[in-house]
Amino acid sequence: MGSPQLTLWAAAASDSELSSTSAVGLVLAGGAVLVIAGQLLRLRLRIRRERQGGGDER
């Protein structure tokens, strides 16, 4: 998978070494993106279930 974070990391690493602060920032930003994407997927699934009349049934 060519995620933007990985391609950004590869481009930055090829030019010069990243500082540890930059590396930590990239990791935290990537984690935040994953958390937000997960929350959006859960919200989509919940809305879809409610529209189909499923409610909270599992």
C-alpha atoms as a PDB file:
ATOM      1  CA  MET A   1       0.000   0.000   0.000  1.00  0.00           C
ATOM      2  CA  GLY A   2       1.352   3.417  -0.875  1.00  0.00           C
ATOM      3  CA  SER A   3       0.070   5.445   2.029  1.00  0.00           C
ATOM      4  CA  PRO A   4       0.917   9.151   1.992  1.00  0.00           C
ATOM      5  CA  GLN A   5       2.744   8.844   5.318  1.00  0.00           C
ATOM      6  CA  LEU A   6       5.083   6.146   4.004  1.00  0.00           C
ATOM      7  CA  THR A   7       5.866   7.969   0.765  1.00  0.00           C
ATOM      8  CA  LEU A   8       6.474  11.185   2.706  1.00  0.00           C
ATOM      9  CA  TRP A   9       8.766   9.297   5.065  1.00  0.00           C
ATOM     10  CA  ALA A  10      10.726   7.758   2.187  1.00  0.00           C
ATOM     11  CA  ALA A  11      11.116  11.103   0.427  1.00  0.00           C
ATOM     12  CA  ALA A  12      12.274  12.872   3.574  1.00  0.00           C
ATOM     13  CA  ALA A  13      14.645  10.066   4.552  1.00  0.00           C
ATOM     14  CA  SER A  14      16.276  10.046   1.118  1.00  0.00           C
ATOM     15  CA  ASP A  15      17.083  13.774   1.296  1.00  0.00           C
ATOM     16  CA  SER A  16      18.345  13.909   4.876  1.00  0.00           C
ATOM     17  CA  GLU A  17      17.932  12.097   8.165  1.00  0.00           C
ATOM     18  CA  LEU A  18      14.806  12.999  10.088  1.00  0.00           C
ATOM     19  CA  SER A  19      15.154  14.172  13.634  1.00  0.00           C
ATOM     20  CA  SER A  20      13.528  12.048  16.310  1.00  0.00           C
ATOM     21  CA  THR A  21      10.998  14.831  16.880  1.00  0.00           C
ATOM     22  CA  SER A  22       9.950  14.722  13.223  1.00  0.00           C
ATOM     23  CA  ALA A  23       9.683  10.941  13.337  1.00  0.00           C
ATOM     24  CA  VAL A  24       7.475  11.060  16.434  1.00  0.00           C
ATOM     25  CA  GLY A  25       5.309  13.724  14.787  1.00  0.00           C
ATOM     26  CA  LEU A  26       4.824  11.583  11.695  1.00  0.00           C
ATOM     27  CA  VAL A  27       3.892   8.550  13.781  1.00  0.00           C
ATOM     28  CA  LEU A  28       1.384  10.548  15.835  1.00  0.00           C
ATOM     29  CA  ALA A  29      -0.144  12.106  12.724  1.00  0.00           C
ATOM     30  CA  GLY A  30      -0.502   8.682  11.106  1.00  0.00           C
ATOM     31  CA  GLY A  31      -2.134   7.309  14.246  1.00  0.00           C
ATOM     32  CA  ALA A  32      -4.571  10.207  14.363  1.00  0.00           C
ATOM     33  CA  VAL A  33      -5.542   9.582  10.725  1.00  0.00           C
ATOM     34  CA  LEU A  34      -6.206   5.913  11.495  1.00  0.00           C
ATOM     35  CA  VAL A  35      -8.327   6.767  14.548  1.00  0.00           C
ATOM     36  CA  ILE A  36     -10.431   9.279  12.612  1.00  0.00           C
ATOM     37  CA  ALA A  37     -10.890   6.844   9.708  1.00  0.00           C
ATOM     38  CA  GLY A  38     -12.010   4.125  12.136  1.00  0.00           C
ATOM     39  CA  GLN A  39     -14.519   6.426  13.791  1.00  0.00           C
ATOM     40  CA  LEU A  40     -15.944   7.446  10.411  1.00  0.00           C
ATOM     41  CA  LEU A  41     -16.330   3.794   9.388  1.00  0.00           C
ATOM     42  CA  ARG A  42     -18.142   2.986  12.640  1.00  0.00           C
ATOM     43  CA  LEU A  43     -20.446   5.957  12.112  1.00  0.00           C
ATOM     44  CA  ARG A  44     -21.207   4.863   8.530  1.00  0.00           C
ATOM     45  CA  LEU A  45     -22.025   1.343   9.665  1.00  0.00           C
ATOM     46  CA  ARG A  46     -24.273   2.593  12.470  1.00  0.00           C
ATOM     47  CA  ILE A  47     -26.174   4.925  10.129  1.00  0.00           C
ATOM     48  CA  ARG A  48     -26.576   2.135   7.567  1.00  0.00           C
ATOM     49  CA  ARG A  49     -27.943  -0.235  10.239  1.00  0.00           C
ATOM     50  CA  GLU A  50     -30.403   2.375  11.506  1.00  0.00           C
ATOM     51  CA  ARG A  51     -31.664   3.070   7.967  1.00  0.00           C
ATOM     52  CA  GLN A  52     -32.247  -0.645   7.448  1.00  0.00           C
ATOM     53  CA  GLY A  53     -34.170  -0.809  10.707  1.00  0.00           C
ATOM     54  CA  GLY A  54     -31.589  -2.970  12.441  1.00  0.00           C
ATOM     55  CA  GLY A  55     -31.083  -0.672  15.392  1.00  0.00           C
ATOM     56  CA  ASP A  56     -28.537  -2.089  17.825  1.00  0.00           C
ATOM     57  CA  GLU A  57     -29.136  -5.742  16.955  1.00  0.00           C
ATOM     58  CA  ARG A  58     -25.984  -7.807  16.435  1.00  0.00           C
END
